[in-house]
Amino acid sequence: PDIVMLPGAQSAVIEAEAWEVAGVNSR
């Protein structure tokens, strides 16, 4: 994510529902 904060052009965010980006790190 630090590349977003480098000087220069802007970046944007779009949103997804939480279930769609749920990650798995445990059973």
PDB file of all heavy atoms in Angstrom:
ATOM      1  N   PRO A   1       0.799  -1.236   0.000  1.00  0.00           N
ATOM      2  CA  PRO A   1       0.000   0.000   0.000  1.00  0.00           C
ATOM      3  C   PRO A   1       0.829   1.282   0.000  1.00  0.00           C
ATOM      4  O   PRO A   1       0.298   2.349  -0.348  1.00  0.00           O
ATOM      5  CB  PRO A   1      -0.822  -0.119   1.291  1.00  0.00           C
ATOM      6  CG  PRO A   1      -0.904  -1.585   1.556  1.00  0.00           C
ATOM      7  CD  PRO A   1       0.410  -2.139   1.118  1.00  0.00           C
ATOM      8  N   ASP A   2       2.100   1.186   0.357  1.00  0.00           N
ATOM      9  CA  ASP A   2       2.923   2.399   0.386  1.00  0.00           C
ATOM     10  C   ASP A   2       3.100   3.019  -0.987  1.00  0.00           C
ATOM     11  O   ASP A   2       3.422   4.215  -1.092  1.00  0.00           O
ATOM     12  CB  ASP A   2       4.298   2.090   0.992  1.00  0.00           C
ATOM     13  CG  ASP A   2       4.251   1.924   2.499  1.00  0.00           C
ATOM     14  OD1 ASP A   2       3.160   2.156   3.083  1.00  0.00           O
ATOM     15  OD2 ASP A   2       5.270   1.545   3.102  1.00  0.00           O
ATOM     16  N   ILE A   3       2.888   2.248  -2.064  1.00  0.00           N
ATOM     17  CA  ILE A   3       3.038   2.862  -3.386  1.00  0.00           C
ATOM     18  C   ILE A   3       1.961   3.910  -3.632  1.00  0.00           C
ATOM     19  O   ILE A   3       2.148   4.839  -4.429  1.00  0.00           O
ATOM     20  CB  ILE A   3       3.019   1.813  -4.514  1.00  0.00           C
ATOM     21  CG1 ILE A   3       1.644   1.146  -4.654  1.00  0.00           C
ATOM     22  CG2 ILE A   3       4.102   0.748  -4.288  1.00  0.00           C
ATOM     23  CD1 ILE A   3       1.540   0.228  -5.857  1.00  0.00           C
ATOM     24  N   VAL A   4       0.836   3.763  -2.924  1.00  0.00           N
ATOM     25  CA  VAL A   4      -0.256   4.730  -3.085  1.00  0.00           C
ATOM     26  C   VAL A   4       0.134   6.098  -2.550  1.00  0.00           C
ATOM     27  O   VAL A   4      -0.293   7.133  -3.075  1.00  0.00           O
ATOM     28  CB  VAL A   4      -1.518   4.207  -2.384  1.00  0.00           C
ATOM     29  CG1 VAL A   4      -2.624   5.248  -2.382  1.00  0.00           C
ATOM     30  CG2 VAL A   4      -2.001   2.922  -3.042  1.00  0.00           C
ATOM     31  N   MET A   5       0.978   6.114  -1.512  1.00  0.00           N
ATOM     32  CA  MET A   5       1.305   7.354  -0.824  1.00  0.00           C
ATOM     33  C   MET A   5       2.552   8.044  -1.383  1.00  0.00           C
ATOM     34  O   MET A   5       2.943   9.091  -0.881  1.00  0.00           O
ATOM     35  CB  MET A   5       1.489   7.091   0.673  1.00  0.00           C
ATOM     36  CG  MET A   5       0.282   6.471   1.343  1.00  0.00           C
ATOM     37  SD  MET A   5      -1.289   7.275   0.891  1.00  0.00           S
ATOM     38  CE  MET A   5      -0.957   8.969   1.348  1.00  0.00           C
ATOM     39  N   LEU A   6       3.166   7.470  -2.388  1.00  0.00           N
ATOM     40  CA  LEU A   6       4.321   8.137  -2.997  1.00  0.00           C
ATOM     41  C   LEU A   6       3.868   9.403  -3.719  1.00  0.00           C
ATOM     42  O   LEU A   6       2.741   9.482  -4.223  1.00  0.00           O
ATOM     43  CB  LEU A   6       5.015   7.191  -3.975  1.00  0.00           C
ATOM     44  CG  LEU A   6       5.715   5.981  -3.347  1.00  0.00           C
ATOM     45  CD1 LEU A   6       6.164   5.015  -4.439  1.00  0.00           C
ATOM     46  CD2 LEU A   6       6.908   6.427  -2.501  1.00  0.00           C
ATOM     47  N   PRO A   7       4.721  10.418  -3.797  1.00  0.00           N
ATOM     48  CA  PRO A   7       4.351  11.667  -4.481  1.00  0.00           C
ATOM     49  C   PRO A   7       4.014  11.397  -5.947  1.00  0.00           C
ATOM     50  O   PRO A   7       4.555  10.490  -6.577  1.00  0.00           O
ATOM     51  CB  PRO A   7       5.611  12.518  -4.365  1.00  0.00           C
ATOM     52  CG  PRO A   7       6.362  11.947  -3.212  1.00  0.00           C
ATOM     53  CD  PRO A   7       6.073  10.483  -3.225  1.00  0.00           C
ATOM     54  N   GLY A   8       3.089  12.212  -6.467  1.00  0.00           N
ATOM     55  CA  GLY A   8       2.757  12.076  -7.876  1.00  0.00           C
ATOM     56  C   GLY A   8       1.276  11.885  -8.079  1.00  0.00           C
ATOM     57  O   GLY A   8       0.448  12.512  -7.407  1.00  0.00           O
ATOM     58  N   ALA A   9       0.905  10.997  -8.969  1.00  0.00           N
ATOM     59  CA  ALA A   9      -0.491  10.810  -9.370  1.00  0.00           C
ATOM     60  C   ALA A   9      -1.347  10.310  -8.204  1.00  0.00           C
ATOM     61  O   ALA A   9      -0.845   9.738  -7.236  1.00  0.00           O
ATOM     62  CB  ALA A   9      -0.550   9.830 -10.530  1.00  0.00           C
ATOM     63  N   GLN A  10      -2.654  10.523  -8.323  1.00  0.00           N
ATOM     64  CA  GLN A  10      -3.568  10.113  -7.265  1.00  0.00           C
ATOM     65  C   GLN A  10      -4.003   8.657  -7.433  1.00  0.00           C
ATOM     66  O   GLN A  10      -3.846   8.048  -8.497  1.00  0.00           O
ATOM     67  CB  GLN A  10      -4.793  11.018  -7.258  1.00  0.00           C
ATOM     68  CG  GLN A  10      -5.634  10.918  -8.518  1.00  0.00           C
ATOM     69  CD  GLN A  10      -6.815  11.881  -8.492  1.00  0.00           C
ATOM     70  OE1 GLN A  10      -6.921  12.727  -7.614  1.00  0.00           O
ATOM     71  NE2 GLN A  10      -7.716  11.749  -9.458  1.00  0.00           N
ATOM     72  N   SER A  11      -4.554   8.097  -6.359  1.00  0.00           N
ATOM     73  CA  SER A  11      -5.107   6.745  -6.365  1.00  0.00           C
ATOM     74  C   SER A  11      -6.532   6.800  -5.839  1.00  0.00           C
ATOM     75  O   SER A  11      -6.924   7.742  -5.136  1.00  0.00           O
ATOM     76  CB  SER A  11      -4.262   5.806  -5.504  1.00  0.00           C
ATOM     77  OG  SER A  11      -2.965   5.659  -6.043  1.00  0.00           O
ATOM     78  N   ALA A  12      -7.307   5.767  -6.159  1.00  0.00           N
ATOM     79  CA  ALA A  12      -8.710   5.743  -5.760  1.00  0.00           C
ATOM     80  C   ALA A  12      -9.046   4.426  -5.086  1.00  0.00           C
ATOM     81  O   ALA A  12      -8.310   3.435  -5.197  1.00  0.00           O
ATOM     82  CB  ALA A  12      -9.610   5.951  -6.985  1.00  0.00           C
ATOM     83  N   VAL A  13     -10.172   4.421  -4.397  1.00  0.00           N
ATOM     84  CA  VAL A  13     -10.671   3.210  -3.768  1.00  0.00           C
ATOM     85  C   VAL A  13     -12.074   2.929  -4.279  1.00  0.00           C
ATOM     86  O   VAL A  13     -12.861   3.855  -4.489  1.00  0.00           O
ATOM     87  CB  VAL A  13     -10.675   3.332  -2.227  1.00  0.00           C
ATOM     88  CG1 VAL A  13     -11.532   4.484  -1.753  1.00  0.00           C
ATOM     89  CG2 VAL A  13     -11.128   2.020  -1.582  1.00  0.00           C
ATOM     90  N   ILE A  14     -12.379   1.661  -4.559  1.00  0.00           N
ATOM     91  CA  ILE A  14     -13.756   1.235  -4.750  1.00  0.00           C
ATOM     92  C   ILE A  14     -14.053   0.210  -3.668  1.00  0.00           C
ATOM     93  O   ILE A  14     -13.137  -0.420  -3.130  1.00  0.00           O
ATOM     94  CB  ILE A  14     -14.018   0.658  -6.155  1.00  0.00           C
ATOM     95  CG1 ILE A  14     -13.244  -0.654  -6.366  1.00  0.00           C
ATOM     96  CG2 ILE A  14     -13.659   1.670  -7.233  1.00  0.00           C
ATOM     97  CD1 ILE A  14     -13.681  -1.387  -7.620  1.00  0.00           C
ATOM     98  N   GLU A  15     -15.340   0.047  -3.350  1.00  0.00           N
ATOM     99  CA  GLU A  15     -15.694  -0.799  -2.214  1.00  0.00           C
ATOM    100  C   GLU A  15     -16.364  -2.100  -2.659  1.00  0.00           C
ATOM    101  O   GLU A  15     -17.119  -2.139  -3.629  1.00  0.00           O
ATOM    102  CB  GLU A  15     -16.623  -0.043  -1.265  1.00  0.00           C
ATOM    103  CG  GLU A  15     -15.965   1.154  -0.599  1.00  0.00           C
ATOM    104  CD  GLU A  15     -16.827   1.774   0.487  1.00  0.00           C
ATOM    105  OE1 GLU A  15     -17.539   1.010   1.186  1.00  0.00           O
ATOM    106  OE2 GLU A  15     -16.788   3.016   0.639  1.00  0.00           O
ATOM    107  N   ALA A  16     -16.052  -3.152  -1.917  1.00  0.00           N
ATOM    108  CA  ALA A  16     -16.695  -4.448  -2.077  1.00  0.00           C
ATOM    109  C   ALA A  16     -17.350  -4.830  -0.759  1.00  0.00           C
ATOM    110  O   ALA A  16     -17.033  -4.263   0.298  1.00  0.00           O
ATOM    111  CB  ALA A  16     -15.674  -5.508  -2.479  1.00  0.00           C
ATOM    112  N   GLU A  17     -18.260  -5.799  -0.808  1.00  0.00           N
ATOM    113  CA  GLU A  17     -18.839  -6.304   0.429  1.00  0.00           C
ATOM    114  C   GLU A  17     -17.784  -7.103   1.195  1.00  0.00           C
ATOM    115  O   GLU A  17     -16.880  -7.710   0.600  1.00  0.00           O
ATOM    116  CB  GLU A  17     -20.045  -7.181   0.132  1.00  0.00           C
ATOM    117  CG  GLU A  17     -21.213  -6.426  -0.477  1.00  0.00           C
ATOM    118  CD  GLU A  17     -22.438  -7.314  -0.619  1.00  0.00           C
ATOM    119  OE1 GLU A  17     -22.871  -7.890   0.407  1.00  0.00           O
ATOM    120  OE2 GLU A  17     -22.939  -7.452  -1.737  1.00  0.00           O
ATOM    121  N   ALA A  18     -17.933  -7.129   2.500  1.00  0.00           N
ATOM    122  CA  ALA A  18     -16.912  -7.750   3.344  1.00  0.00           C
ATOM    123  C   ALA A  18     -16.717  -9.228   3.029  1.00  0.00           C
ATOM    124  O   ALA A  18     -15.590  -9.727   3.044  1.00  0.00           O
ATOM    125  CB  ALA A  18     -17.268  -7.561   4.821  1.00  0.00           C
ATOM    126  N   TRP A  19     -17.799  -9.968   2.722  1.00  0.00           N
ATOM    127  CA  TRP A  19     -17.659 -11.409   2.457  1.00  0.00           C
ATOM    128  C   TRP A  19     -16.772 -11.667   1.245  1.00  0.00           C
ATOM    129  O   TRP A  19     -16.084 -12.682   1.181  1.00  0.00           O
ATOM    130  CB  TRP A  19     -19.019 -12.065   2.265  1.00  0.00           C
ATOM    131  CG  TRP A  19     -19.802 -11.593   1.058  1.00  0.00           C
ATOM    132  CD1 TRP A  19     -20.805 -10.682   1.051  1.00  0.00           C
ATOM    133  CD2 TRP A  19     -19.630 -12.006  -0.307  1.00  0.00           C
ATOM    134  NE1 TRP A  19     -21.279 -10.494  -0.229  1.00  0.00           N
ATOM    135  CE2 TRP A  19     -20.575 -11.303  -1.083  1.00  0.00           C
ATOM    136  CE3 TRP A  19     -18.784 -12.904  -0.944  1.00  0.00           C
ATOM    137  CZ2 TRP A  19     -20.695 -11.462  -2.461  1.00  0.00           C
ATOM    138  CZ3 TRP A  19     -18.893 -13.071  -2.325  1.00  0.00           C
ATOM    139  CH2 TRP A  19     -19.827 -12.348  -3.066  1.00  0.00           C
ATOM    140  N   GLU A  20     -16.800 -10.719   0.300  1.00  0.00           N
ATOM    141  CA  GLU A  20     -16.076 -10.945  -0.952  1.00  0.00           C
ATOM    142  C   GLU A  20     -14.566 -10.893  -0.764  1.00  0.00           C
ATOM    143  O   GLU A  20     -13.816 -11.524  -1.511  1.00  0.00           O
ATOM    144  CB  GLU A  20     -16.525  -9.902  -1.976  1.00  0.00           C
ATOM    145  CG  GLU A  20     -16.098 -10.208  -3.384  1.00  0.00           C
ATOM    146  CD  GLU A  20     -16.672  -9.220  -4.383  1.00  0.00           C
ATOM    147  OE1 GLU A  20     -17.515  -8.374  -4.000  1.00  0.00           O
ATOM    148  OE2 GLU A  20     -16.267  -9.285  -5.563  1.00  0.00           O
ATOM    149  N   VAL A  21     -14.118 -10.150   0.235  1.00  0.00           N
ATOM    150  CA  VAL A  21     -12.676 -10.001   0.463  1.00  0.00           C
ATOM    151  C   VAL A  21     -12.235 -10.679   1.751  1.00  0.00           C
ATOM    152  O   VAL A  21     -11.150 -10.403   2.273  1.00  0.00           O
ATOM    153  CB  VAL A  21     -12.259  -8.523   0.451  1.00  0.00           C
ATOM    154  CG1 VAL A  21     -12.459  -7.937  -0.934  1.00  0.00           C
ATOM    155  CG2 VAL A  21     -13.033  -7.717   1.493  1.00  0.00           C
ATOM    156  N   ALA A  22     -13.076 -11.568   2.276  1.00  0.00           N
ATOM    157  CA  ALA A  22     -12.711 -12.278   3.499  1.00  0.00           C
ATOM    158  C   ALA A  22     -11.497 -13.162   3.238  1.00  0.00           C
ATOM    159  O   ALA A  22     -11.464 -13.934   2.289  1.00  0.00           O
ATOM    160  CB  ALA A  22     -13.887 -13.120   3.988  1.00  0.00           C
ATOM    161  N   GLY A  23     -10.497 -13.044   4.093  1.00  0.00           N
ATOM    162  CA  GLY A  23      -9.283 -13.846   3.967  1.00  0.00           C
ATOM    163  C   GLY A  23      -9.295 -15.023   4.926  1.00  0.00           C
ATOM    164  O   GLY A  23     -10.047 -15.046   5.910  1.00  0.00           O
ATOM    165  N   VAL A  24      -8.462 -16.003   4.641  1.00  0.00           N
ATOM    166  CA  VAL A  24      -8.402 -17.224   5.441  1.00  0.00           C
ATOM    167  C   VAL A  24      -6.990 -17.387   5.995  1.00  0.00           C
ATOM    168  O   VAL A  24      -6.035 -17.574   5.237  1.00  0.00           O
ATOM    169  CB  VAL A  24      -8.782 -18.460   4.598  1.00  0.00           C
ATOM    170  CG1 VAL A  24      -8.575 -19.731   5.405  1.00  0.00           C
ATOM    171  CG2 VAL A  24     -10.230 -18.352   4.125  1.00  0.00           C
ATOM    172  N   ASN A  25      -6.885 -17.318   7.302  1.00  0.00           N
ATOM    173  CA  ASN A  25      -5.606 -17.545   7.970  1.00  0.00           C
ATOM    174  C   ASN A  25      -5.682 -18.633   9.024  1.00  0.00           C
ATOM    175  O   ASN A  25      -4.702 -18.876   9.727  1.00  0.00           O
ATOM    176  CB  ASN A  25      -5.122 -16.235   8.614  1.00  0.00           C
ATOM    177  CG  ASN A  25      -4.731 -15.210   7.565  1.00  0.00           C
ATOM    178  OD1 ASN A  25      -3.783 -15.396   6.815  1.00  0.00           O
ATOM    179  ND2 ASN A  25      -5.497 -14.124   7.493  1.00  0.00           N
ATOM    180  N   SER A  26      -6.850 -19.263   9.144  1.00  0.00           N
ATOM    181  CA  SER A  26      -7.020 -20.314  10.146  1.00  0.00           C
ATOM    182  C   SER A  26      -8.165 -21.210   9.715  1.00  0.00           C
ATOM    183  O   SER A  26      -8.946 -20.871   8.815  1.00  0.00           O
ATOM    184  CB  SER A  26      -7.330 -19.706  11.520  1.00  0.00           C
ATOM    185  OG  SER A  26      -8.636 -19.129  11.515  1.00  0.00           O
ATOM    186  N   ARG A  27      -8.297 -22.341  10.384  1.00  0.00           N
ATOM    187  CA  ARG A  27      -9.419 -23.244  10.098  1.00  0.00           C
ATOM    188  C   ARG A  27     -10.752 -22.574  10.444  1.00  0.00           C
ATOM    189  O   ARG A  27     -11.764 -22.824   9.785  1.00  0.00           O
ATOM    190  CB  ARG A  27      -9.285 -24.533  10.903  1.00  0.00           C
ATOM    191  CG  ARG A  27      -7.938 -25.216  10.798  1.00  0.00           C
ATOM    192  CD  ARG A  27      -7.809 -26.122   9.603  1.00  0.00           C
ATOM    193  NE  ARG A  27      -6.527 -26.804   9.599  1.00  0.00           N
ATOM    194  CZ  ARG A  27      -6.275 -27.922   8.944  1.00  0.00           C
ATOM    195  NH1 ARG A  27      -7.208 -28.496   8.229  1.00  0.00           N
ATOM    196  NH2 ARG A  27      -5.078 -28.474   8.975  1.00  0.00           N
TER     197      ARG A  27
END
